[in-house]
Protein backbone atom coordinates (compact mmCIF):
# COMPACT_ATOMS: atom_id res chain seq x y z
CA MET A 1 -119.01 -189.09 15.26
CA PHE A 2 -117.52 -186.84 12.59
CA SER A 3 -114.44 -184.70 13.18
CA ALA A 4 -114.61 -181.70 10.86
CA ASN A 5 -111.92 -179.72 12.74
CA ILE A 6 -113.61 -176.39 12.05
CA PRO A 7 -113.11 -174.11 15.08
CA ALA A 8 -115.85 -172.15 16.79
CA VAL A 9 -116.34 -168.64 15.46
CA PRO A 10 -116.72 -165.49 17.58
CA TYR A 11 -120.40 -164.70 17.86
CA SER A 12 -122.48 -161.64 18.63
CA ASP A 13 -126.04 -160.95 17.50
CA PRO A 14 -125.64 -159.48 13.99
CA TRP A 15 -128.92 -157.57 14.21
CA VAL A 16 -127.76 -155.27 17.02
CA ILE A 17 -127.52 -152.05 14.98
CA PRO A 18 -128.32 -148.51 16.19
CA LEU A 19 -131.72 -147.14 15.21
CA HIS A 20 -130.28 -144.39 13.01
CA GLU A 21 -128.39 -147.02 10.99
CA ARG A 22 -131.54 -149.09 10.56
CA ILE A 23 -133.44 -146.02 9.34
CA LYS A 24 -130.65 -145.32 6.82
CA LEU A 25 -130.89 -148.96 5.69
CA LEU A 26 -134.61 -148.53 5.07
CA ALA A 27 -134.10 -145.31 3.09
CA ARG A 28 -131.67 -146.81 0.54
CA GLY A 29 -134.20 -148.23 -1.93
CA LYS A 30 -136.94 -146.90 -4.16
CA PHE A 31 -139.48 -149.20 -2.52
CA ARG A 32 -139.05 -149.55 1.23
CA VAL A 33 -140.30 -152.32 3.52
CA ALA A 34 -140.39 -151.79 7.29
CA TYR A 35 -140.46 -154.98 9.36
CA PHE A 36 -141.68 -154.76 12.94
CA TYR A 37 -141.09 -157.20 15.79
CA GLU A 38 -141.65 -156.54 19.50
CA VAL A 39 -138.13 -157.36 20.78
CA ALA A 40 -135.28 -159.09 18.92
CA ASN A 41 -134.67 -162.75 19.70
CA ASN A 42 -132.77 -165.72 18.33
CA SER A 43 -135.80 -167.59 17.00
CA THR A 44 -138.81 -166.08 15.21
CA PHE A 45 -137.26 -162.63 14.88
CA ARG A 46 -134.17 -164.12 13.26
CA TYR A 47 -136.06 -166.26 10.77
CA ARG A 48 -139.01 -164.05 9.92
CA THR A 49 -137.53 -160.55 10.22
CA TYR A 50 -133.72 -160.39 10.23
CA ASN A 51 -133.32 -163.05 7.52
CA MET A 52 -136.01 -161.44 5.35
CA VAL A 53 -134.34 -158.05 5.58
CA GLN A 54 -130.95 -159.56 4.79
CA ALA A 55 -132.26 -161.27 1.66
CA LEU A 56 -134.17 -158.20 0.44
CA ASN A 57 -131.19 -155.90 0.90
CA ASP A 58 -128.70 -158.07 -0.94
CA GLY A 59 -127.27 -155.75 -3.58
CA LEU A 60 -130.51 -153.75 -3.89
CA HIS A 61 -130.83 -155.27 -7.38
CA SER A 62 -134.60 -155.06 -7.23
CA GLY A 63 -134.65 -151.45 -5.99
CA VAL A 64 -136.24 -152.70 -2.75
CA SER A 65 -134.75 -151.91 0.66
CA ALA A 66 -135.84 -153.19 4.05
CA SER A 67 -135.10 -152.69 7.72
CA TYR A 68 -136.47 -153.78 11.08
CA PHE A 69 -137.82 -151.93 14.08
CA PHE A 70 -138.97 -152.72 17.61
CA LEU A 71 -141.33 -151.40 20.26
CA ASP A 72 -138.52 -149.30 21.70
CA ASP A 73 -138.08 -147.56 18.33
CA LEU A 74 -141.62 -146.24 18.07
CA HIS A 75 -140.76 -142.80 19.44
CA ARG A 76 -139.75 -142.24 15.77
CA ILE A 77 -142.90 -143.85 14.41
CA ASP A 78 -143.82 -140.95 12.11
CA GLU A 79 -140.41 -140.92 10.46
CA ILE A 80 -140.58 -144.68 9.87
CA ALA A 81 -144.14 -144.48 8.52
CA ASP A 82 -143.20 -141.62 6.17
CA LEU A 83 -140.14 -143.44 4.81
CA ALA A 84 -141.62 -146.92 4.37
CA ASP A 85 -143.95 -147.97 1.56
CA MET A 86 -145.08 -151.12 3.35
CA LEU A 87 -145.23 -152.47 6.90
CA VAL A 88 -144.76 -156.13 7.80
CA ILE A 89 -145.69 -156.90 11.40
CA CYS A 90 -144.07 -160.13 12.51
CA ARG A 91 -145.70 -162.24 15.24
CA SER A 92 -146.53 -159.30 17.50
CA ARG A 93 -149.27 -158.92 20.08
CA TYR A 94 -151.87 -156.18 20.18
CA CYS A 95 -151.13 -153.20 22.41
CA HIS A 96 -151.62 -149.44 22.16
CA ARG A 97 -148.25 -148.92 20.48
CA VAL A 98 -148.94 -151.57 17.85
CA ASN A 99 -152.33 -149.93 17.36
CA GLN A 100 -150.56 -146.59 16.79
CA LEU A 101 -148.10 -148.20 14.37
CA ILE A 102 -150.88 -149.69 12.27
CA THR A 103 -152.85 -146.43 12.36
CA LYS A 104 -149.86 -144.40 11.17
CA PHE A 105 -149.44 -146.62 8.12
CA ARG A 106 -153.18 -146.91 7.51
CA VAL A 107 -153.81 -143.15 7.37
CA ARG A 108 -150.97 -142.87 4.88
CA GLY A 109 -152.65 -145.45 2.65
CA LYS A 110 -149.82 -147.96 2.96
CA ARG A 111 -150.16 -151.75 2.87
CA ILE A 112 -149.76 -153.76 6.08
CA LEU A 113 -148.99 -157.49 6.21
CA PHE A 114 -148.71 -159.91 9.12
CA ASP A 115 -145.95 -162.55 9.14
CA ILE A 116 -146.40 -165.49 11.50
CA ASP A 117 -144.66 -168.84 11.81
CA ASP A 118 -146.90 -170.77 14.20
CA LEU A 119 -150.52 -171.56 15.02
CA VAL A 120 -150.67 -168.94 17.77
CA PHE A 121 -153.50 -166.61 16.75
CA ASP A 122 -156.69 -168.64 17.27
CA THR A 123 -158.04 -169.36 20.76
CA ARG A 124 -159.86 -172.43 19.46
CA TYR A 125 -156.49 -174.18 19.58
CA ALA A 126 -155.54 -173.04 23.09
CA HIS A 127 -156.19 -176.43 24.70
CA LEU A 128 -154.28 -178.28 21.99
CA ILE A 129 -151.29 -175.94 22.38
CA VAL A 130 -151.23 -176.22 26.16
CA ASN A 131 -151.31 -180.01 25.97
CA THR A 132 -148.75 -180.26 23.17
CA LEU A 133 -146.30 -178.02 25.04
CA ASP A 134 -146.82 -180.02 28.25
CA GLN A 135 -148.06 -177.00 30.19
CA ASP A 136 -149.80 -177.26 33.55
CA VAL A 137 -153.49 -177.59 32.66
CA ASP A 138 -154.47 -176.89 36.29
CA SER A 139 -152.80 -173.49 36.31
CA GLN A 140 -155.10 -170.50 35.86
CA GLU A 141 -152.03 -168.44 34.98
CA ILE A 142 -151.29 -170.76 32.05
CA TRP A 143 -154.79 -170.35 30.66
CA ASP A 144 -154.70 -166.58 31.19
CA TYR A 145 -151.37 -166.40 29.39
CA TRP A 146 -152.35 -168.47 26.37
CA PHE A 147 -155.79 -166.95 25.83
CA SER A 148 -154.24 -163.49 26.11
CA TYR A 149 -151.35 -164.35 23.80
CA LEU A 150 -153.51 -165.98 21.12
CA SER A 151 -156.25 -163.37 21.11
CA ARG A 152 -153.83 -160.42 21.02
CA MET A 153 -151.96 -162.03 18.14
CA GLY A 154 -155.18 -162.76 16.28
CA GLU A 155 -156.37 -159.20 16.71
CA VAL A 156 -153.26 -157.78 15.03
CA LEU A 157 -153.61 -160.32 12.21
CA ARG A 158 -157.20 -159.21 11.56
CA TRP A 159 -156.12 -155.57 11.26
CA CYS A 160 -153.75 -156.37 8.38
CA ASP A 161 -154.31 -156.56 4.61
CA GLY A 162 -152.75 -159.99 4.17
CA ALA A 163 -150.40 -162.51 5.72
CA VAL A 164 -147.13 -164.31 5.06
CA THR A 165 -146.22 -167.62 6.65
CA THR A 166 -143.87 -170.60 6.49
CA ASN A 167 -145.87 -173.39 4.79
CA ASP A 168 -149.14 -174.08 3.03
CA TYR A 169 -150.65 -176.05 5.92
CA LEU A 170 -150.35 -173.08 8.28
CA ALA A 171 -151.42 -170.75 5.45
CA ALA A 172 -154.74 -172.59 5.23
CA ARG A 173 -155.31 -172.14 8.98
CA ILE A 174 -154.56 -168.41 8.73
CA ALA A 175 -156.88 -167.93 5.75
CA GLU A 176 -159.71 -169.81 7.46
CA PHE A 177 -159.32 -167.71 10.63
CA SER A 178 -158.84 -164.28 9.08
CA GLY A 179 -160.30 -164.40 5.57
CA LEU A 180 -157.12 -162.68 4.35
CA PRO A 181 -154.93 -163.61 1.39
CA VAL A 182 -151.89 -165.60 2.57
CA ASN A 183 -148.56 -166.24 0.85
CA VAL A 184 -145.73 -168.60 1.80
CA VAL A 185 -142.04 -167.86 2.27
CA PRO A 186 -140.30 -170.76 4.00
CA ASN A 187 -137.85 -170.30 6.82
CA PHE A 188 -134.31 -170.24 5.46
CA ILE A 189 -130.62 -170.06 6.36
CA ASN A 190 -129.02 -166.64 6.67
CA ARG A 191 -125.58 -165.52 5.50
CA GLU A 192 -123.79 -166.02 8.83
CA GLN A 193 -125.20 -169.49 9.37
CA LEU A 194 -124.48 -170.57 5.80
CA GLU A 195 -120.87 -169.37 5.83
CA LEU A 196 -119.89 -171.70 8.67
CA SER A 197 -122.16 -174.50 7.46
CA ASP A 198 -120.52 -174.57 4.04
CA LYS A 199 -117.09 -174.90 5.68
CA LEU A 200 -118.36 -177.76 7.84
CA PHE A 201 -119.85 -179.64 4.92
CA HIS A 202 -116.82 -179.25 2.68
CA SER A 203 -114.50 -180.33 5.50
CA LYS A 204 -116.54 -183.51 5.94
CA GLU A 205 -116.63 -184.03 2.21
CA ALA A 206 -112.84 -183.57 1.86
CA SER A 207 -112.26 -186.17 4.56
CA ARG A 208 -114.71 -188.53 2.82
CA PHE A 209 -116.92 -188.27 5.90
CA ALA A 210 -114.26 -189.68 8.20
CA ARG A 211 -115.64 -190.78 11.56
CA ASP A 212 -114.46 -192.41 14.73
CA ASP A 213 -115.78 -195.86 15.67
CA LYS A 214 -118.88 -194.42 17.37
CA ILE A 215 -122.28 -193.54 15.93
CA CYS A 216 -123.70 -190.44 17.55
CA LEU A 217 -127.39 -189.60 17.57
CA GLY A 218 -128.24 -185.95 18.22
CA TYR A 219 -131.29 -184.33 19.74
CA PHE A 220 -131.22 -180.53 19.47
CA SER A 221 -133.82 -178.63 21.48
CA GLY A 222 -134.23 -174.87 21.33
CA SER A 223 -136.65 -174.77 24.27
CA PRO A 224 -137.89 -176.95 27.15
CA SER A 225 -141.35 -177.16 25.53
CA HIS A 226 -140.40 -180.23 23.48
CA ALA A 227 -140.50 -182.73 26.36
CA LEU A 228 -143.44 -184.67 24.92
CA ASP A 229 -141.82 -184.76 21.48
CA TYR A 230 -138.68 -186.22 23.02
CA GLU A 231 -140.72 -188.83 24.91
CA ILE A 232 -141.73 -190.31 21.55
CA ILE A 233 -138.20 -191.64 21.05
CA THR A 234 -137.09 -192.48 24.61
CA SER A 235 -137.89 -196.20 24.47
CA ALA A 236 -136.43 -196.47 20.97
CA LEU A 237 -133.20 -194.85 22.14
CA GLU A 238 -133.00 -197.28 25.06
CA GLU A 239 -133.44 -200.22 22.68
CA VAL A 240 -130.83 -198.97 20.20
CA LEU A 241 -128.30 -198.17 22.93
CA ASP A 242 -128.82 -201.63 24.44
CA ASN A 243 -128.35 -203.41 21.11
CA ASP A 244 -125.35 -201.50 19.73
CA ARG A 245 -122.51 -200.36 21.98
CA ARG A 246 -121.18 -198.08 19.24
CA VAL A 247 -124.19 -195.80 19.64
CA GLU A 248 -124.01 -192.62 21.71
CA LEU A 249 -126.53 -189.82 22.26
CA MET A 250 -125.83 -186.09 22.31
CA VAL A 251 -128.56 -183.96 23.87
CA VAL A 252 -128.21 -180.22 23.23
CA GLY A 253 -130.26 -177.46 24.78
CA TYR A 254 -132.92 -177.61 27.45
CA ILE A 255 -134.00 -181.27 27.40
CA GLU A 256 -132.67 -183.92 29.79
CA ALA A 257 -132.05 -187.41 28.40
CA GLY A 258 -134.27 -188.83 31.15
CA PRO A 259 -133.91 -191.46 33.89
CA ALA A 260 -134.43 -194.40 31.52
CA LEU A 261 -131.16 -193.56 29.77
CA SER A 262 -129.07 -192.66 32.83
CA ARG A 263 -127.71 -196.21 33.05
CA PHE A 264 -125.78 -195.65 29.82
CA GLY A 265 -123.45 -193.28 31.64
CA SER A 266 -120.84 -191.54 29.49
CA ARG A 267 -122.54 -192.69 26.29
CA ILE A 268 -125.05 -189.90 26.94
CA LYS A 269 -123.47 -186.51 26.29
CA TYR A 270 -124.88 -183.10 27.12
CA GLN A 271 -124.18 -179.75 25.53
CA PRO A 272 -125.64 -176.41 26.68
CA PHE A 273 -127.76 -174.14 24.52
CA GLN A 274 -125.65 -172.72 21.68
CA ASP A 275 -125.75 -169.59 19.58
CA TYR A 276 -127.36 -170.40 16.24
CA VAL A 277 -124.12 -170.18 14.21
CA ASN A 278 -121.90 -172.40 16.35
CA LEU A 279 -124.77 -174.82 16.89
CA GLN A 280 -124.04 -175.92 13.32
CA ARG A 281 -120.73 -177.38 14.52
CA LEU A 282 -122.50 -179.71 16.94
CA ILE A 283 -125.15 -180.69 14.40
CA GLY A 284 -122.39 -181.40 11.89
CA SER A 285 -120.60 -183.71 14.31
CA VAL A 286 -123.39 -186.28 14.71
CA GLU A 287 -124.38 -188.98 12.25
CA LEU A 288 -128.13 -188.76 12.79
CA ASN A 289 -130.24 -185.76 13.77
CA LEU A 290 -133.43 -186.92 15.53
CA MET A 291 -136.60 -184.86 14.93
CA PRO A 292 -139.58 -186.49 16.72
CA LEU A 293 -142.80 -184.51 16.70
CA GLN A 294 -146.28 -185.18 18.03
CA SER A 295 -148.95 -185.52 15.36
CA ASN A 296 -151.66 -182.85 15.51
CA ILE A 297 -152.78 -179.61 13.85
CA PHE A 298 -150.41 -177.49 15.92
CA THR A 299 -147.28 -179.51 15.10
CA ASN A 300 -148.21 -179.83 11.42
CA CYS A 301 -147.90 -176.04 11.24
CA LYS A 302 -144.22 -176.19 12.24
CA SER A 303 -141.56 -175.46 9.64
CA GLU A 304 -138.82 -177.78 8.37
CA LEU A 305 -135.95 -175.71 9.78
CA LYS A 306 -134.46 -178.59 11.81
CA TYR A 307 -134.15 -180.59 8.60
CA PHE A 308 -132.31 -177.97 6.57
CA GLU A 309 -130.08 -176.84 9.44
CA ALA A 310 -128.78 -180.42 9.59
CA ALA A 311 -128.73 -181.04 5.85
CA ILE A 312 -126.63 -177.94 5.16
CA VAL A 313 -123.79 -179.38 7.29
CA GLY A 314 -124.07 -182.83 5.74
CA THR A 315 -125.94 -184.48 8.61
CA LEU A 316 -128.85 -186.80 7.92
CA SER A 317 -132.12 -186.52 9.83
CA ILE A 318 -134.72 -188.98 11.03
CA ALA A 319 -138.07 -187.24 11.39
CA SER A 320 -141.67 -187.79 12.30
CA PRO A 321 -143.96 -187.50 9.25
CA SER A 322 -145.31 -184.02 10.00
CA HIS A 323 -146.59 -181.96 7.08
CA THR A 324 -143.31 -180.15 6.39
CA TYR A 325 -140.92 -182.95 7.36
CA ALA A 326 -142.71 -185.42 5.08
CA ALA A 327 -142.57 -182.92 2.24
CA ALA A 328 -138.86 -182.12 2.72
CA ILE A 329 -137.46 -185.61 3.38
CA ARG A 330 -137.44 -188.35 0.75
CA ASP A 331 -137.03 -191.46 2.87
CA GLY A 332 -133.78 -193.25 2.14
CA GLU A 333 -132.60 -190.52 -0.25
CA ASN A 334 -131.92 -187.36 1.78
CA GLY A 335 -132.96 -188.60 5.23
CA TYR A 336 -135.42 -190.92 6.92
CA ILE A 337 -139.06 -190.79 8.04
CA ALA A 338 -140.23 -192.66 11.16
CA GLN A 339 -143.76 -193.21 12.40
CA ALA A 340 -144.09 -193.17 16.20
CA HIS A 341 -143.79 -196.97 16.48
CA GLN A 342 -140.90 -197.20 13.99
CA TRP A 343 -138.16 -195.15 15.61
CA ALA A 344 -135.98 -198.04 16.79
CA SER A 345 -136.22 -199.86 13.47
CA VAL A 346 -135.59 -196.73 11.39
CA ILE A 347 -132.55 -195.75 13.48
CA GLN A 348 -131.25 -199.29 13.00
CA ARG A 349 -131.90 -199.10 9.25
CA ALA A 350 -129.99 -195.82 9.05
CA ILE A 351 -127.05 -197.34 10.93
CA GLU A 352 -127.02 -200.40 8.68
CA ASN A 353 -127.05 -198.06 5.67
CA ILE A 354 -124.07 -196.03 6.93
CA ASP A 355 -121.98 -196.86 3.82
CA ALA A 356 -124.45 -194.82 1.75
CA TYR A 357 -124.06 -191.84 4.10
CA PRO A 358 -121.76 -189.65 1.94
CA GLU A 359 -124.05 -189.86 -1.08
CA MET A 360 -127.21 -189.22 0.96
CA ALA A 361 -125.56 -186.34 2.83
CA ALA A 362 -124.47 -184.73 -0.43
CA THR A 363 -128.04 -185.01 -1.71
CA ALA A 364 -129.42 -183.43 1.47
CA TYR A 365 -126.83 -180.62 1.34
CA ALA A 366 -127.62 -179.79 -2.30
CA ASP A 367 -131.34 -179.82 -1.53
CA ALA A 368 -130.96 -177.51 1.49
CA ARG A 369 -128.68 -175.07 -0.33
CA SER A 370 -130.93 -174.79 -3.37
CA LYS A 371 -134.19 -174.40 -1.42
CA TYR A 372 -133.23 -172.72 1.84
CA ALA A 373 -130.11 -170.57 1.31
CA TRP A 374 -130.68 -166.86 1.90
CA PHE A 375 -129.47 -165.84 -1.56
CA ASN A 376 -132.27 -167.81 -3.25
CA GLN A 377 -135.15 -166.19 -1.36
CA ARG A 378 -135.54 -162.62 -2.61
CA GLU A 379 -137.92 -163.37 -5.48
CA SER A 380 -140.28 -165.44 -3.33
CA ILE A 381 -140.28 -162.71 -0.66
CA LEU A 382 -141.08 -160.02 -3.23
CA ARG A 383 -143.95 -162.13 -4.60
CA ALA A 384 -145.31 -162.76 -1.11
CA LEU A 385 -145.19 -159.03 -0.35
CA GLY A 386 -146.99 -158.27 -3.61
CA ILE A 387 -144.14 -156.09 -4.87
CA GLN A 388 -143.88 -158.01 -8.16
């Protein structure tokens, strides 16, 4: 395990800003983009709304300003629709207030785009999603929820003039479903996340990636819906832990390590769910970030965010060969790729190659910073929005 000695930072959600300040933020530019999301959260809202607004507003060099609004803000819908030149609705479900929002922009002749980061708009994939997320297939409530969620999302998508998404695989699914033009802006790291991550990487680099005598594997789960993904690696973890007493496992978030690994006692470490900034400290402390993923259409639509969140703190990842992971990771150069039956052998190969870690980590860091840092995204966002 690495010891970067970078302390935790005080955290509060940076997007909690009064409505009048967000309206002022929108009004600053000559061309104004209003982003809409139902209710702020730490996942999709952060990546697809807050981060986009942060990148667009950096210095106002392009003359473009942006701000974000929620369902609770729509009592000032006319003011927002008058100020903004474009509306981007991010992963929001159809309801009467969303209908009103779209109508206000439509009657003013303003362009409306839909930004979505997951295959959650087409009921044809409901069964696949329920199975992949390990939901109770015998529950009528589960089927009611997912068919409602998917159809309401798809309805809003169809009302828009175009779409923006995270990768070309998902873009093809959106285009096939909606017939709309689709552009890609990948998920990326925002200013707050990058500031701490840079410190973590440079601390590791200055110490020449000093470690203790343990090798820590990390599994970082943002939700309990990844149980079947984690099951892919359970037997491999048991084998590796049996064969090498230096190896430990850190499980962070909502997943339990499982009964098969309980016999390893204190070598299995648990950490609770973290805020997204200080999570980087835990990711930066482990040698190998494990990213197993089931192989199907739904999972191939997922973004590569778990790769770049590890790479930016100088931590190498081992990943399933999903569409985005396989595109981001060059096996043996900036990380490792493992087919479902290869996890034990690939983990062992990564451990045996530990002397090459500093060089590989530096490669991964440079790759993540050049492709996924917030300050490199404005031009691709403007192109995707059709502003230039």
